[in-house]
Every structure is written in structure tokens, then in C-alpha cells.
Amino acid sequence: MGEIDPLVISFNEMLDQALALRMITVTKEGEIVEGTAKLTHGQDKWYFTPKKHWQPGAYQIEVDPSLEDLAGNTLGYVFDRETISPKVSQHSEIQKLKFSIKPLGTPPFQR
């Protein structure tokens, strides 16, 4: 059941490859989904191919807040200018983006 197609995240900037491969993870029910991550040659797209087929359910993309682009920008700091409140940036948490995989044959959008 399920597919093994990669999850693709596009960024507006080139990322530090070593950091991106270490600081972006996919989880399901709190467990890391095993698979292979890579960046494109332009280093602005992150691909994640799961080791096993995607299973229906809720997933999260988790990004460590220290992930940097090649200029040193992070989720909390752009060119040494703080973009989030000092209280948040001092205690930065993993940023999470939820997504779900629907069972095969289920319409992608339901009303």
C-alpha cells in the first residue's frame, strides 16, 4: 500500500547541504521516518524518499531552527537582524509543518 515517491521542499535560497541533510526530518507519530534525503545540485530543493512506502496518516516535517542558507540566515535571523522576538529566538524550538497521506483511492480534497 502507498507510494514511495519523494517528498520535495522548495526553498527560495540555497541551503548549506550538510546542515539541511542533518536538520530536516520527517516524523510520523513522533517517530523519525527512515529514508534518504538529498539536495538538488542547486541546493534549493530538498528531497526525501522514504525507505518504505508512505502509509496513510499524519506526518510532520521538522526543521531545526539553526538551519542556515549559504549567507548564514536562519529561521530567526536574517542578515543579523532578528525576525522573531528575542524570547522566542533564545529558546527556539523545532519548527513543524504537518501534512497527511490519504489512503489510495481517496479524493485529494473533500468538502
PDB file of N, CA and C in Angstrom:
ATOM      1  N   MET A   1       0.845  -1.173   0.000  1.00  0.00           N
ATOM      2  CA  MET A   1       0.000   0.000   0.000  1.00  0.00           C
ATOM      3  C   MET A   1       0.890   1.234   0.000  1.00  0.00           C
ATOM      4  N   GLY A   2       0.420   2.298  -0.604  1.00  0.00           N
ATOM      5  CA  GLY A   2       1.154   3.550  -0.605  1.00  0.00           C
ATOM      6  C   GLY A   2       2.164   3.635  -1.723  1.00  0.00           C
ATOM      7  N   GLU A   3       2.775   4.786  -1.815  1.00  0.00           N
ATOM      8  CA  GLU A   3       3.783   5.069  -2.838  1.00  0.00           C
ATOM      9  C   GLU A   3       5.128   5.292  -2.169  1.00  0.00           C
ATOM     10  N   ILE A   4       6.154   5.376  -2.985  1.00  0.00           N
ATOM     11  CA  ILE A   4       7.484   5.643  -2.467  1.00  0.00           C
ATOM     12  C   ILE A   4       8.053   6.911  -3.105  1.00  0.00           C
ATOM     13  N   ASP A   5       7.173   7.721  -3.726  1.00  0.00           N
ATOM     14  CA  ASP A   5       7.591   8.970  -4.345  1.00  0.00           C
ATOM     15  C   ASP A   5       8.219   9.892  -3.297  1.00  0.00           C
ATOM     16  N   PRO A   6       9.186  10.709  -3.711  1.00  0.00           N
ATOM     17  CA  PRO A   6       9.831  11.587  -2.737  1.00  0.00           C
ATOM     18  C   PRO A   6       8.946  12.769  -2.337  1.00  0.00           C
ATOM     19  N   LEU A   7       9.163  13.216  -1.124  1.00  0.00           N
ATOM     20  CA  LEU A   7       8.612  14.473  -0.637  1.00  0.00           C
ATOM     21  C   LEU A   7       9.597  15.542  -1.081  1.00  0.00           C
ATOM     22  N   VAL A   8       9.115  16.655  -1.638  1.00  0.00           N
ATOM     23  CA  VAL A   8      10.004  17.706  -2.129  1.00  0.00           C
ATOM     24  C   VAL A   8       9.657  19.019  -1.444  1.00  0.00           C
ATOM     25  N   ILE A   9      10.681  19.672  -0.896  1.00  0.00           N
ATOM     26  CA  ILE A   9      10.518  21.001  -0.306  1.00  0.00           C
ATOM     27  C   ILE A   9      11.384  21.953  -1.120  1.00  0.00           C
ATOM     28  N   SER A  10      10.760  23.028  -1.630  1.00  0.00           N
ATOM     29  CA  SER A  10      11.496  24.043  -2.395  1.00  0.00           C
ATOM     30  C   SER A  10      11.772  25.248  -1.506  1.00  0.00           C
ATOM     31  N   PHE A  11      12.986  25.757  -1.587  1.00  0.00           N
ATOM     32  CA  PHE A  11      13.391  26.928  -0.817  1.00  0.00           C
ATOM     33  C   PHE A  11      13.700  28.069  -1.776  1.00  0.00           C
ATOM     34  N   ASN A  12      13.651  29.295  -1.271  1.00  0.00           N
ATOM     35  CA  ASN A  12      13.976  30.461  -2.095  1.00  0.00           C
ATOM     36  C   ASN A  12      15.474  30.706  -2.174  1.00  0.00           C
ATOM     37  N   GLU A  13      16.216  30.044  -1.327  1.00  0.00           N
ATOM     38  CA  GLU A  13      17.666  30.249  -1.252  1.00  0.00           C
ATOM     39  C   GLU A  13      18.377  28.906  -1.244  1.00  0.00           C
ATOM     40  N   MET A  14      19.652  28.940  -1.600  1.00  0.00           N
ATOM     41  CA  MET A  14      20.470  27.731  -1.496  1.00  0.00           C
ATOM     42  C   MET A  14      20.759  27.465  -0.023  1.00  0.00           C
ATOM     43  N   LEU A  15      20.702  26.207   0.356  1.00  0.00           N
ATOM     44  CA  LEU A  15      20.967  25.833   1.748  1.00  0.00           C
ATOM     45  C   LEU A  15      22.341  25.218   1.894  1.00  0.00           C
ATOM     46  N   ASP A  16      22.834  25.252   3.113  1.00  0.00           N
ATOM     47  CA  ASP A  16      24.053  24.545   3.451  1.00  0.00           C
ATOM     48  C   ASP A  16      23.703  23.057   3.421  1.00  0.00           C
ATOM     49  N   GLN A  17      24.311  22.310   2.530  1.00  0.00           N
ATOM     50  CA  GLN A  17      23.941  20.913   2.326  1.00  0.00           C
ATOM     51  C   GLN A  17      24.092  20.068   3.579  1.00  0.00           C
ATOM     52  N   ALA A  18      25.206  20.177   4.258  1.00  0.00           N
ATOM     53  CA  ALA A  18      25.438  19.355   5.449  1.00  0.00           C
ATOM     54  C   ALA A  18      24.389  19.639   6.521  1.00  0.00           C
ATOM     55  N   LEU A  19      24.053  20.913   6.719  1.00  0.00           N
ATOM     56  CA  LEU A  19      23.041  21.258   7.720  1.00  0.00           C
ATOM     57  C   LEU A  19      21.656  20.778   7.297  1.00  0.00           C
ATOM     58  N   ALA A  20      21.305  20.991   6.036  1.00  0.00           N
ATOM     59  CA  ALA A  20      19.974  20.599   5.559  1.00  0.00           C
ATOM     60  C   ALA A  20      19.751  19.107   5.707  1.00  0.00           C
ATOM     61  N   LEU A  21      20.758  18.325   5.404  1.00  0.00           N
ATOM     62  CA  LEU A  21      20.604  16.876   5.493  1.00  0.00           C
ATOM     63  C   LEU A  21      20.514  16.397   6.935  1.00  0.00           C
ATOM     64  N   ARG A  22      21.029  17.189   7.862  1.00  0.00           N
ATOM     65  CA  ARG A  22      21.007  16.810   9.271  1.00  0.00           C
ATOM     66  C   ARG A  22      19.839  17.429  10.032  1.00  0.00           C
ATOM     67  N   MET A  23      19.362  18.600   9.595  1.00  0.00           N
ATOM     68  CA  MET A  23      18.418  19.371  10.397  1.00  0.00           C
ATOM     69  C   MET A  23      16.975  19.359   9.910  1.00  0.00           C
ATOM     70  N   ILE A  24      16.699  18.632   8.841  1.00  0.00           N
ATOM     71  CA  ILE A  24      15.317  18.478   8.377  1.00  0.00           C
ATOM     72  C   ILE A  24      14.976  16.999   8.478  1.00  0.00           C
ATOM     73  N   THR A  25      13.897  16.700   9.180  1.00  0.00           N
ATOM     74  CA  THR A  25      13.478  15.314   9.328  1.00  0.00           C
ATOM     75  C   THR A  25      11.979  15.197   9.074  1.00  0.00           C
ATOM     76  N   VAL A  26      11.545  14.000   8.797  1.00  0.00           N
ATOM     77  CA  VAL A  26      10.125  13.690   8.641  1.00  0.00           C
ATOM     78  C   VAL A  26       9.773  12.719   9.751  1.00  0.00           C
ATOM     79  N   THR A  27       8.663  12.999  10.440  1.00  0.00           N
ATOM     80  CA  THR A  27       8.233  12.118  11.524  1.00  0.00           C
ATOM     81  C   THR A  27       6.774  11.713  11.324  1.00  0.00           C
ATOM     82  N   LYS A  28       6.443  10.594  11.924  1.00  0.00           N
ATOM     83  CA  LYS A  28       5.051  10.114  11.967  1.00  0.00           C
ATOM     84  C   LYS A  28       4.833   9.570  13.368  1.00  0.00           C
ATOM     85  N   GLU A  29       3.835  10.101  14.035  1.00  0.00           N
ATOM     86  CA  GLU A  29       3.510   9.688  15.409  1.00  0.00           C
ATOM     87  C   GLU A  29       4.723   9.785  16.324  1.00  0.00           C
ATOM     88  N   GLY A  30       5.525  10.841  16.136  1.00  0.00           N
ATOM     89  CA  GLY A  30       6.682  11.086  16.987  1.00  0.00           C
ATOM     90  C   GLY A  30       7.926  10.292  16.638  1.00  0.00           C
ATOM     91  N   GLU A  31       7.840   9.411  15.664  1.00  0.00           N
ATOM     92  CA  GLU A  31       8.984   8.590  15.261  1.00  0.00           C
ATOM     93  C   GLU A  31       9.551   9.099  13.942  1.00  0.00           C
ATOM     94  N   ILE A  32      10.866   9.109  13.824  1.00  0.00           N
ATOM     95  CA  ILE A  32      11.501   9.531  12.579  1.00  0.00           C
ATOM     96  C   ILE A  32      11.211   8.512  11.494  1.00  0.00           C
ATOM     97  N   VAL A  33      10.796   9.009  10.337  1.00  0.00           N
ATOM     98  CA  VAL A  33      10.561   8.141   9.184  1.00  0.00           C
ATOM     99  C   VAL A  33      11.914   7.892   8.528  1.00  0.00           C
ATOM    100  N   GLU A  34      12.268   6.629   8.385  1.00  0.00           N
ATOM    101  CA  GLU A  34      13.549   6.289   7.764  1.00  0.00           C
ATOM    102  C   GLU A  34      13.479   6.512   6.264  1.00  0.00           C
ATOM    103  N   GLY A  35      14.578   7.012   5.715  1.00  0.00           N
ATOM    104  CA  GLY A  35      14.626   7.252   4.285  1.00  0.00           C
ATOM    105  C   GLY A  35      15.902   7.977   3.915  1.00  0.00           C
ATOM    106  N   THR A  36      15.940   8.445   2.687  1.00  0.00           N
ATOM    107  CA  THR A  36      17.117   9.124   2.162  1.00  0.00           C
ATOM    108  C   THR A  36      16.762  10.553   1.790  1.00  0.00           C
ATOM    109  N   ALA A  37      17.551  11.499   2.300  1.00  0.00           N
ATOM    110  CA  ALA A  37      17.366  12.909   1.964  1.00  0.00           C
ATOM    111  C   ALA A  37      18.514  13.355   1.074  1.00  0.00           C
ATOM    112  N   LYS A  38      18.214  14.286   0.163  1.00  0.00           N
ATOM    113  CA  LYS A  38      19.263  14.869  -0.678  1.00  0.00           C
ATOM    114  C   LYS A  38      18.819  16.244  -1.129  1.00  0.00           C
ATOM    115  N   LEU A  39      19.796  17.056  -1.504  1.00  0.00           N
ATOM    116  CA  LEU A  39      19.514  18.368  -2.094  1.00  0.00           C
ATOM    117  C   LEU A  39      19.804  18.286  -3.580  1.00  0.00           C
ATOM    118  N   THR A  40      19.117  19.131  -4.352  1.00  0.00           N
ATOM    119  CA  THR A  40      19.414  19.204  -5.773  1.00  0.00           C
ATOM    120  C   THR A  40      20.771  19.852  -5.952  1.00  0.00           C
ATOM    121  N   HIS A  41      21.296  19.813  -7.171  1.00  0.00           N
ATOM    122  CA  HIS A  41      22.588  20.440  -7.439  1.00  0.00           C
ATOM    123  C   HIS A  41      22.554  21.931  -7.136  1.00  0.00           C
ATOM    124  N   GLY A  42      21.406  22.578  -7.307  1.00  0.00           N
ATOM    125  CA  GLY A  42      21.269  23.996  -6.975  1.00  0.00           C
ATOM    126  C   GLY A  42      21.122  24.246  -5.489  1.00  0.00           C
ATOM    127  N   GLN A  43      20.975  23.175  -4.716  1.00  0.00           N
ATOM    128  CA  GLN A  43      20.854  23.206  -3.262  1.00  0.00           C
ATOM    129  C   GLN A  43      19.661  24.019  -2.771  1.00  0.00           C
ATOM    130  N   ASP A  44      18.614  24.145  -3.604  1.00  0.00           N
ATOM    131  CA  ASP A  44      17.439  24.879  -3.159  1.00  0.00           C
ATOM    132  C   ASP A  44      16.181  24.002  -3.092  1.00  0.00           C
ATOM    133  N   LYS A  45      16.339  22.702  -3.333  1.00  0.00           N
ATOM    134  CA  LYS A  45      15.233  21.752  -3.181  1.00  0.00           C
ATOM    135  C   LYS A  45      15.723  20.554  -2.385  1.00  0.00           C
ATOM    136  N   TRP A  46      14.939  20.191  -1.385  1.00  0.00           N
ATOM    137  CA  TRP A  46      15.247  19.069  -0.509  1.00  0.00           C
ATOM    138  C   TRP A  46      14.303  17.930  -0.865  1.00  0.00           C
ATOM    139  N   TYR A  47      14.861  16.772  -1.142  1.00  0.00           N
ATOM    140  CA  TYR A  47      14.081  15.586  -1.495  1.00  0.00           C
ATOM    141  C   TYR A  47      14.227  14.552  -0.394  1.00  0.00           C
ATOM    142  N   PHE A  48      13.093  13.956  -0.015  1.00  0.00           N
ATOM    143  CA  PHE A  48      13.126  12.874   0.965  1.00  0.00           C
ATOM    144  C   PHE A  48      12.356  11.687   0.393  1.00  0.00           C
ATOM    145  N   THR A  49      13.055  10.582   0.229  1.00  0.00           N
ATOM    146  CA  THR A  49      12.431   9.351  -0.252  1.00  0.00           C
ATOM    147  C   THR A  49      12.385   8.372   0.912  1.00  0.00           C
ATOM    148  N   PRO A  50      11.177   7.956   1.315  1.00  0.00           N
ATOM    149  CA  PRO A  50      11.083   7.036   2.454  1.00  0.00           C
ATOM    150  C   PRO A  50      11.652   5.667   2.112  1.00  0.00           C
ATOM    151  N   LYS A  51      12.169   4.991   3.129  1.00  0.00           N
ATOM    152  CA  LYS A  51      12.713   3.644   2.942  1.00  0.00           C
ATOM    153  C   LYS A  51      11.591   2.668   2.591  1.00  0.00           C
ATOM    154  N   LYS A  52      10.429   2.879   3.219  1.00  0.00           N
ATOM    155  CA  LYS A  52       9.250   2.054   2.950  1.00  0.00           C
ATOM    156  C   LYS A  52       8.180   2.950   2.319  1.00  0.00           C
ATOM    157  N   HIS A  53       7.175   2.345   1.732  1.00  0.00           N
ATOM    158  CA  HIS A  53       6.086   3.105   1.125  1.00  0.00           C
ATOM    159  C   HIS A  53       5.442   4.050   2.141  1.00  0.00           C
ATOM    160  N   TRP A  54       5.023   5.215   1.655  1.00  0.00           N
ATOM    161  CA  TRP A  54       4.271   6.127   2.502  1.00  0.00           C
ATOM    162  C   TRP A  54       2.991   5.419   2.942  1.00  0.00           C
ATOM    163  N   GLN A  55       2.671   5.501   4.210  1.00  0.00           N
ATOM    164  CA  GLN A  55       1.444   4.919   4.739  1.00  0.00           C
ATOM    165  C   GLN A  55       0.464   6.045   5.043  1.00  0.00           C
ATOM    166  N   PRO A  56      -0.834   5.795   4.889  1.00  0.00           N
ATOM    167  CA  PRO A  56      -1.808   6.832   5.230  1.00  0.00           C
ATOM    168  C   PRO A  56      -1.622   7.279   6.680  1.00  0.00           C
ATOM    169  N   GLY A  57      -1.841   8.562   6.910  1.00  0.00           N
ATOM    170  CA  GLY A  57      -1.752   9.083   8.267  1.00  0.00           C
ATOM    171  C   GLY A  57      -1.144  10.469   8.313  1.00  0.00           C
ATOM    172  N   ALA A  58      -0.963  10.955   9.532  1.00  0.00           N
ATOM    173  CA  ALA A  58      -0.433  12.297   9.779  1.00  0.00           C
ATOM    174  C   ALA A  58       1.084  12.249   9.914  1.00  0.00           C
ATOM    175  N   TYR A  59       1.748  13.184   9.256  1.00  0.00           N
ATOM    176  CA  TYR A  59       3.207  13.301   9.285  1.00  0.00           C
ATOM    177  C   TYR A  59       3.568  14.740   9.655  1.00  0.00           C
ATOM    178  N   GLN A  60       4.838  14.936   9.979  1.00  0.00           N
ATOM    179  CA  GLN A  60       5.372  16.279  10.222  1.00  0.00           C
ATOM    180  C   GLN A  60       6.746  16.400   9.588  1.00  0.00           C
ATOM    181  N   ILE A  61       6.998  17.567   9.025  1.00  0.00           N
ATOM    182  CA  ILE A  61       8.344  17.938   8.613  1.00  0.00           C
ATOM    183  C   ILE A  61       8.877  18.753   9.780  1.00  0.00           C
ATOM    184  N   GLU A  62      10.022  18.383  10.312  1.00  0.00           N
ATOM    185  CA  GLU A  62      10.596  19.086  11.458  1.00  0.00           C
ATOM    186  C   GLU A  62      11.918  19.711  11.038  1.00  0.00           C
ATOM    187  N   VAL A  63      12.036  21.018  11.314  1.00  0.00           N
ATOM    188  CA  VAL A  63      13.224  21.769  10.910  1.00  0.00           C
ATOM    189  C   VAL A  63      13.870  22.385  12.140  1.00  0.00           C
ATOM    190  N   ASP A  64      15.136  22.060  12.346  1.00  0.00           N
ATOM    191  CA  ASP A  64      15.897  22.652  13.441  1.00  0.00           C
ATOM    192  C   ASP A  64      16.046  24.147  13.148  1.00  0.00           C
ATOM    193  N   PRO A  65      15.790  25.018  14.121  1.00  0.00           N
ATOM    194  CA  PRO A  65      15.842  26.455  13.872  1.00  0.00           C
ATOM    195  C   PRO A  65      17.235  26.980  13.523  1.00  0.00           C
ATOM    196  N   SER A  66      18.281  26.188  13.714  1.00  0.00           N
ATOM    197  CA  SER A  66      19.618  26.651  13.339  1.00  0.00           C
ATOM    198  C   SER A  66      19.976  26.375  11.889  1.00  0.00           C
ATOM    199  N   LEU A  67      19.045  25.792  11.112  1.00  0.00           N
ATOM    200  CA  LEU A  67      19.308  25.565   9.694  1.00  0.00           C
ATOM    201  C   LEU A  67      19.634  26.890   9.021  1.00  0.00           C
ATOM    202  N   GLU A  68      20.710  26.912   8.233  1.00  0.00           N
ATOM    203  CA  GLU A  68      21.155  28.146   7.587  1.00  0.00           C
ATOM    204  C   GLU A  68      21.168  28.017   6.076  1.00  0.00           C
ATOM    205  N   ASP A  69      20.937  29.171   5.422  1.00  0.00           N
ATOM    206  CA  ASP A  69      21.224  29.217   3.994  1.00  0.00           C
ATOM    207  C   ASP A  69      22.703  29.571   3.857  1.00  0.00           C
ATOM    208  N   LEU A  70      23.186  29.718   2.636  1.00  0.00           N
ATOM    209  CA  LEU A  70      24.623  29.958   2.444  1.00  0.00           C
ATOM    210  C   LEU A  70      25.090  31.313   2.962  1.00  0.00           C
ATOM    211  N   ALA A  71      24.156  32.258   3.162  1.00  0.00           N
ATOM    212  CA  ALA A  71      24.520  33.570   3.690  1.00  0.00           C
ATOM    213  C   ALA A  71      24.475  33.611   5.217  1.00  0.00           C
ATOM    214  N   GLY A  72      24.064  32.518   5.844  1.00  0.00           N
ATOM    215  CA  GLY A  72      24.012  32.472   7.298  1.00  0.00           C
ATOM    216  C   GLY A  72      22.669  32.853   7.881  1.00  0.00           C
ATOM    217  N   ASN A  73      21.641  33.056   7.041  1.00  0.00           N
ATOM    218  CA  ASN A  73      20.301  33.355   7.535  1.00  0.00           C
ATOM    219  C   ASN A  73      19.703  32.096   8.150  1.00  0.00           C
ATOM    220  N   THR A  74      18.962  32.275   9.243  1.00  0.00           N
ATOM    221  CA  THR A  74      18.265  31.168   9.884  1.00  0.00           C
ATOM    222  C   THR A  74      16.782  31.507   9.956  1.00  0.00           C
ATOM    223  N   LEU A  75      15.990  30.639  10.572  1.00  0.00           N
ATOM    224  CA  LEU A  75      14.567  30.925  10.725  1.00  0.00           C
ATOM    225  C   LEU A  75      14.325  32.141  11.614  1.00  0.00           C
ATOM    226  N   GLY A  76      15.231  32.419  12.525  1.00  0.00           N
ATOM    227  CA  GLY A  76      15.055  33.537  13.445  1.00  0.00           C
ATOM    228  C   GLY A  76      15.857  34.778  13.112  1.00  0.00           C
ATOM    229  N   TYR A  77      16.851  34.660  12.252  1.00  0.00           N
ATOM    230  CA  TYR A  77      17.729  35.790  11.954  1.00  0.00           C
ATOM    231  C   TYR A  77      17.975  35.900  10.456  1.00  0.00           C
ATOM    232  N   VAL A  78      17.776  37.111   9.935  1.00  0.00           N
ATOM    233  CA  VAL A  78      18.067  37.386   8.528  1.00  0.00           C
ATOM    234  C   VAL A  78      19.133  38.469   8.500  1.00  0.00           C
ATOM    235  N   PHE A  79      20.291  38.141   7.936  1.00  0.00           N
ATOM    236  CA  PHE A  79      21.403  39.090   7.845  1.00  0.00           C
ATOM    237  C   PHE A  79      21.633  39.805   9.170  1.00  0.00           C
ATOM    238  N   ASP A  80      21.717  39.028  10.235  1.00  0.00           N
ATOM    239  CA  ASP A  80      21.988  39.530  11.587  1.00  0.00           C
ATOM    240  C   ASP A  80      20.882  40.421  12.137  1.00  0.00           C
ATOM    241  N   ARG A  81      19.706  40.414  11.523  1.00  0.00           N
ATOM    242  CA  ARG A  81      18.573  41.172  12.064  1.00  0.00           C
ATOM    243  C   ARG A  81      17.554  40.161  12.575  1.00  0.00           C
ATOM    244  N   GLU A  82      17.169  40.321  13.810  1.00  0.00           N
ATOM    245  CA  GLU A  82      16.241  39.391  14.414  1.00  0.00           C
ATOM    246  C   GLU A  82      14.871  39.515  13.746  1.00  0.00           C
ATOM    247  N   THR A  83      14.262  38.383  13.386  1.00  0.00           N
ATOM    248  CA  THR A  83      12.943  38.418  12.757  1.00  0.00           C
ATOM    249  C   THR A  83      11.846  37.890  13.671  1.00  0.00           C
ATOM    250  N   ILE A  84      12.233  37.319  14.793  1.00  0.00           N
ATOM    251  CA  ILE A  84      11.256  36.894  15.777  1.00  0.00           C
ATOM    252  C   ILE A  84      11.659  37.479  17.119  1.00  0.00           C
ATOM    253  N   SER A  85      10.747  37.499  18.048  1.00  0.00           N
ATOM    254  CA  SER A  85      11.023  38.154  19.321  1.00  0.00           C
ATOM    255  C   SER A  85      12.218  37.505  20.021  1.00  0.00           C
ATOM    256  N   PRO A  86      12.971  38.296  20.798  1.00  0.00           N
ATOM    257  CA  PRO A  86      14.142  37.742  21.492  1.00  0.00           C
ATOM    258  C   PRO A  86      13.800  36.544  22.377  1.00  0.00           C
ATOM    259  N   LYS A  87      12.647  36.588  23.047  1.00  0.00           N
ATOM    260  CA  LYS A  87      12.276  35.474  23.910  1.00  0.00           C
ATOM    261  C   LYS A  87      12.144  34.188  23.098  1.00  0.00           C
ATOM    262  N   VAL A  88      11.543  34.281  21.927  1.00  0.00           N
ATOM    263  CA  VAL A  88      11.372  33.093  21.088  1.00  0.00           C
ATOM    264  C   VAL A  88      12.706  32.651  20.531  1.00  0.00           C
ATOM    265  N   SER A  89      13.523  33.601  20.048  1.00  0.00           N
ATOM    266  CA  SER A  89      14.778  33.207  19.404  1.00  0.00           C
ATOM    267  C   SER A  89      15.762  32.604  20.400  1.00  0.00           C
ATOM    268  N   GLN A  90      15.726  33.042  21.655  1.00  0.00           N
ATOM    269  CA  GLN A  90      16.631  32.470  22.639  1.00  0.00           C
ATOM    270  C   GLN A  90      16.252  31.037  22.974  1.00  0.00           C
ATOM    271  N   HIS A  91      14.998  30.713  22.829  1.00  0.00           N
ATOM    272  CA  HIS A  91      14.511  29.372  23.147  1.00  0.00           C
ATOM    273  C   HIS A  91      13.867  28.765  21.909  1.00  0.00           C
ATOM    274  N   SER A  92      14.505  28.948  20.777  1.00  0.00           N
ATOM    275  CA  SER A  92      13.928  28.469  19.528  1.00  0.00           C
ATOM    276  C   SER A  92      13.611  26.987  19.608  1.00  0.00           C
ATOM    277  N   GLU A  93      12.470  26.655  19.078  1.00  0.00           N
ATOM    278  CA  GLU A  93      12.028  25.271  19.057  1.00  0.00           C
ATOM    279  C   GLU A  93      12.064  24.753  17.634  1.00  0.00           C
ATOM    280  N   ILE A  94      12.041  23.457  17.525  1.00  0.00           N
ATOM    281  CA  ILE A  94      11.936  22.822  16.225  1.00  0.00           C
ATOM    282  C   ILE A  94      10.667  23.342  15.551  1.00  0.00           C
ATOM    283  N   GLN A  95      10.785  23.751  14.311  1.00  0.00           N
ATOM    284  CA  GLN A  95       9.627  24.205  13.547  1.00  0.00           C
ATOM    285  C   GLN A  95       8.986  22.995  12.887  1.00  0.00           C
ATOM    286  N   LYS A  96       7.654  22.917  12.959  1.00  0.00           N
ATOM    287  CA  LYS A  96       6.954  21.737  12.459  1.00  0.00           C
ATOM    288  C   LYS A  96       5.892  22.133  11.442  1.00  0.00           C
ATOM    289  N   LEU A  97       5.835  21.366  10.379  1.00  0.00           N
ATOM    290  CA  LEU A  97       4.825  21.550   9.348  1.00  0.00           C
ATOM    291  C   LEU A  97       4.110  20.218   9.174  1.00  0.00           C
ATOM    292  N   LYS A  98       2.811  20.223   9.410  1.00  0.00           N
ATOM    293  CA  LYS A  98       2.037  18.983   9.331  1.00  0.00           C
ATOM    294  C   LYS A  98       1.559  18.737   7.907  1.00  0.00           C
ATOM    295  N   PHE A  99       1.513  17.460   7.536  1.00  0.00           N
ATOM    296  CA  PHE A  99       0.890  17.052   6.288  1.00  0.00           C
ATOM    297  C   PHE A  99       0.349  15.646   6.491  1.00  0.00           C
ATOM    298  N   SER A 100      -0.517  15.223   5.589  1.00  0.00           N
ATOM    299  CA  SER A 100      -1.064  13.884   5.735  1.00  0.00           C
ATOM    300  C   SER A 100      -1.093  13.159   4.399  1.00  0.00           C
ATOM    301  N   ILE A 101      -1.066  11.865   4.498  1.00  0.00           N
ATOM    302  CA  ILE A 101      -1.172  10.980   3.347  1.00  0.00           C
ATOM    303  C   ILE A 101      -2.531  10.306   3.465  1.00  0.00           C
ATOM    304  N   LYS A 102      -3.332  10.463   2.424  1.00  0.00           N
ATOM    305  CA  LYS A 102      -4.650   9.841   2.415  1.00  0.00           C
ATOM    306  C   LYS A 102      -4.552   8.434   1.835  1.00  0.00           C
ATOM    307  N   PRO A 103      -5.462   7.555   2.215  1.00  0.00           N
ATOM    308  CA  PRO A 103      -5.463   6.209   1.638  1.00  0.00           C
ATOM    309  C   PRO A 103      -5.642   6.273   0.121  1.00  0.00           C
ATOM    310  N   LEU A 104      -5.051   5.320  -0.593  1.00  0.00           N
ATOM    311  CA  LEU A 104      -5.211   5.262  -2.040  1.00  0.00           C
ATOM    312  C   LEU A 104      -6.687   5.194  -2.394  1.00  0.00           C
ATOM    313  N   GLY A 105      -7.057   5.893  -3.454  1.00  0.00           N
ATOM    314  CA  GLY A 105      -8.443   5.897  -3.897  1.00  0.00           C
ATOM    315  C   GLY A 105      -9.287   6.977  -3.238  1.00  0.00           C
ATOM    316  N   THR A 106      -8.723   7.674  -2.222  1.00  0.00           N
ATOM    317  CA  THR A 106      -9.437   8.749  -1.561  1.00  0.00           C
ATOM    318  C   THR A 106      -9.237  10.031  -2.366  1.00  0.00           C
ATOM    319  N   PRO A 107     -10.318  10.789  -2.631  1.00  0.00           N
ATOM    320  CA  PRO A 107     -10.130  12.055  -3.343  1.00  0.00           C
ATOM    321  C   PRO A 107      -9.188  12.960  -2.547  1.00  0.00           C
ATOM    322  N   PRO A 108      -8.318  13.729  -3.235  1.00  0.00           N
ATOM    323  CA  PRO A 108      -7.349  14.563  -2.514  1.00  0.00           C
ATOM    324  C   PRO A 108      -8.005  15.651  -1.682  1.00  0.00           C
ATOM    325  N   PHE A 109      -9.162  16.134  -2.102  1.00  0.00           N
ATOM    326  CA  PHE A 109      -9.842  17.199  -1.358  1.00  0.00           C
ATOM    327  C   PHE A 109     -11.280  16.776  -1.108  1.00  0.00           C
ATOM    328  N   GLN A 110     -11.708  16.912   0.115  1.00  0.00           N
ATOM    329  CA  GLN A 110     -13.089  16.571   0.470  1.00  0.00           C
ATOM    330  C   GLN A 110     -13.737  17.797   1.065  1.00  0.00           C
ATOM    331  N   ARG A 111     -15.027  17.930   0.819  1.00  0.00           N
ATOM    332  CA  ARG A 111     -15.774  19.066   1.381  1.00  0.00           C
ATOM    333  C   ARG A 111     -16.451  18.661   2.649  1.00  0.00           C
TER     334      ARG A 111
END
